[in-house]
Amino acid sequence: MHFMIIILVFLLCVVVWGFFHANPTGVSGAKLAAANIVVLLGALAVGVIVGTALYGDAVSVKAAEKGMATYLAIMAAGTSFLIVVATGGLIRNLVVFPLSRRVPPPSDAA
């Protein structure tokens, strides 16, 4: 069980790192920061909602197994967060800031 949480934490770190590492260039810094905040807060909200709902459901079915309900809620919330961040990053890069709306970097040829 602990090994799975270590894997989840590793995946969370990798996905969040990849999300910021793939920031589009040639866009307004303020708009990019706003888009990043919206995606991360949305992912956090979805994770909390999924985790809370799953925990409540699991505890109502088997009240004696709160440890397993907590574990399942953490894993589901983390997975939901990962999915929303990855999807939000794709939407940010392909829809909100597509290549056609980015300023190309200056060329070195003079």
Protein backbone atom coordinates (compact mmCIF):
# COMPACT_ATOMS: atom_id res chain seq x y z
CA MET A 1 0.00 0.00 0.00
CA HIS A 2 2.78 2.45 0.84
CA PHE A 3 4.54 1.64 -2.40
CA MET A 4 1.49 2.74 -4.38
CA ILE A 5 1.41 6.09 -2.57
CA ILE A 6 5.10 6.57 -3.37
CA ILE A 7 4.31 5.90 -7.04
CA LEU A 8 1.41 8.37 -6.90
CA VAL A 9 3.62 11.08 -5.36
CA PHE A 10 6.27 10.44 -8.03
CA LEU A 11 3.66 10.69 -10.79
CA LEU A 12 2.24 13.88 -9.27
CA CYS A 13 5.72 15.44 -9.29
CA VAL A 14 6.41 14.36 -12.87
CA VAL A 15 3.06 15.58 -14.20
CA VAL A 16 3.27 18.96 -12.44
CA TRP A 17 6.89 19.37 -13.63
CA GLY A 18 5.84 18.45 -17.18
CA PHE A 19 2.89 20.83 -17.00
CA PHE A 20 5.16 23.80 -16.25
CA HIS A 21 7.99 22.56 -18.48
CA ALA A 22 5.62 22.55 -21.46
CA ASN A 23 4.55 26.17 -20.98
CA PRO A 24 4.06 27.69 -24.44
CA THR A 25 6.49 30.41 -25.46
CA GLY A 26 5.54 33.61 -27.21
CA VAL A 27 2.41 34.28 -25.16
CA SER A 28 1.48 36.86 -22.55
CA GLY A 29 2.96 35.98 -19.19
CA ALA A 30 -0.14 37.16 -17.32
CA LYS A 31 -2.50 35.11 -19.50
CA LEU A 32 -0.25 32.06 -19.17
CA ALA A 33 -0.13 32.42 -15.38
CA ALA A 34 -3.92 32.78 -15.28
CA ALA A 35 -4.38 29.67 -17.42
CA ASN A 36 -1.97 27.70 -15.23
CA ILE A 37 -3.75 28.79 -12.05
CA VAL A 38 -7.16 27.88 -13.49
CA VAL A 39 -5.94 24.40 -14.50
CA LEU A 40 -4.25 23.69 -11.15
CA LEU A 41 -7.16 24.99 -9.05
CA GLY A 42 -9.60 23.04 -11.22
CA ALA A 43 -7.53 19.90 -10.79
CA LEU A 44 -7.37 20.44 -7.03
CA ALA A 45 -11.15 20.95 -6.87
CA VAL A 46 -11.84 17.81 -8.89
CA GLY A 47 -9.42 15.81 -6.74
CA VAL A 48 -11.05 16.98 -3.52
CA ILE A 49 -14.56 16.28 -4.84
CA VAL A 50 -13.65 12.79 -6.07
CA GLY A 51 -11.70 11.90 -2.93
CA THR A 52 -14.41 13.16 -0.58
CA ALA A 53 -17.19 11.41 -2.48
CA LEU A 54 -15.31 8.12 -2.60
CA TYR A 55 -14.36 8.30 1.07
CA GLY A 56 -17.93 9.04 2.12
CA ASP A 57 -19.28 6.21 0.02
CA ALA A 58 -16.67 3.71 1.22
CA VAL A 59 -17.17 4.59 4.89
CA SER A 60 -20.94 4.30 4.58
CA VAL A 61 -20.59 0.80 3.13
CA LYS A 62 -17.94 -0.51 5.54
CA ALA A 63 -17.51 1.83 8.49
CA ALA A 64 -14.98 -0.50 10.14
CA GLU A 65 -12.48 -0.11 7.29
CA LYS A 66 -11.72 3.61 7.39
CA GLY A 67 -8.05 2.98 6.58
CA MET A 68 -8.85 1.36 3.25
CA ALA A 69 -11.45 4.04 2.50
CA THR A 70 -8.84 6.73 3.15
CA TYR A 71 -6.30 4.97 0.95
CA LEU A 72 -8.76 4.57 -1.91
CA ALA A 73 -9.86 8.20 -1.59
CA ILE A 74 -6.25 9.44 -1.74
CA MET A 75 -5.48 7.30 -4.78
CA ALA A 76 -8.64 8.35 -6.61
CA ALA A 77 -8.14 12.02 -5.77
CA GLY A 78 -4.51 11.90 -6.91
CA THR A 79 -5.40 10.12 -10.12
CA SER A 80 -8.17 12.64 -10.84
CA PHE A 81 -5.71 15.48 -10.23
CA LEU A 82 -3.22 13.89 -12.64
CA ILE A 83 -5.82 13.47 -15.37
CA VAL A 84 -7.12 17.04 -15.06
CA VAL A 85 -3.60 18.57 -15.06
CA ALA A 86 -2.53 16.54 -18.11
CA THR A 87 -5.75 17.32 -19.98
CA GLY A 88 -5.63 20.96 -18.94
CA GLY A 89 -2.05 21.25 -20.18
CA LEU A 90 -3.04 19.86 -23.55
CA ILE A 91 -6.02 22.21 -23.80
CA ARG A 92 -3.81 25.13 -22.74
CA ASN A 93 -1.20 24.39 -25.40
CA LEU A 94 -3.50 23.33 -28.26
CA VAL A 95 -6.68 25.40 -27.79
CA VAL A 96 -6.01 28.40 -25.55
CA PHE A 97 -2.51 29.17 -26.89
CA PRO A 98 -2.30 27.43 -30.30
CA LEU A 99 0.79 27.92 -32.45
CA SER A 100 -1.14 30.33 -34.69
CA ARG A 101 -1.60 32.78 -31.80
CA ARG A 102 1.97 32.69 -30.48
CA VAL A 103 4.65 35.25 -31.28
CA PRO A 104 7.56 33.48 -33.00
CA PRO A 105 10.94 33.85 -31.32
CA PRO A 106 13.33 36.33 -32.97
CA SER A 107 15.61 34.76 -35.53
CA ASP A 108 19.39 34.91 -35.15
CA ALA A 109 19.97 35.59 -38.86
CA ALA A 110 20.88 39.22 -39.37
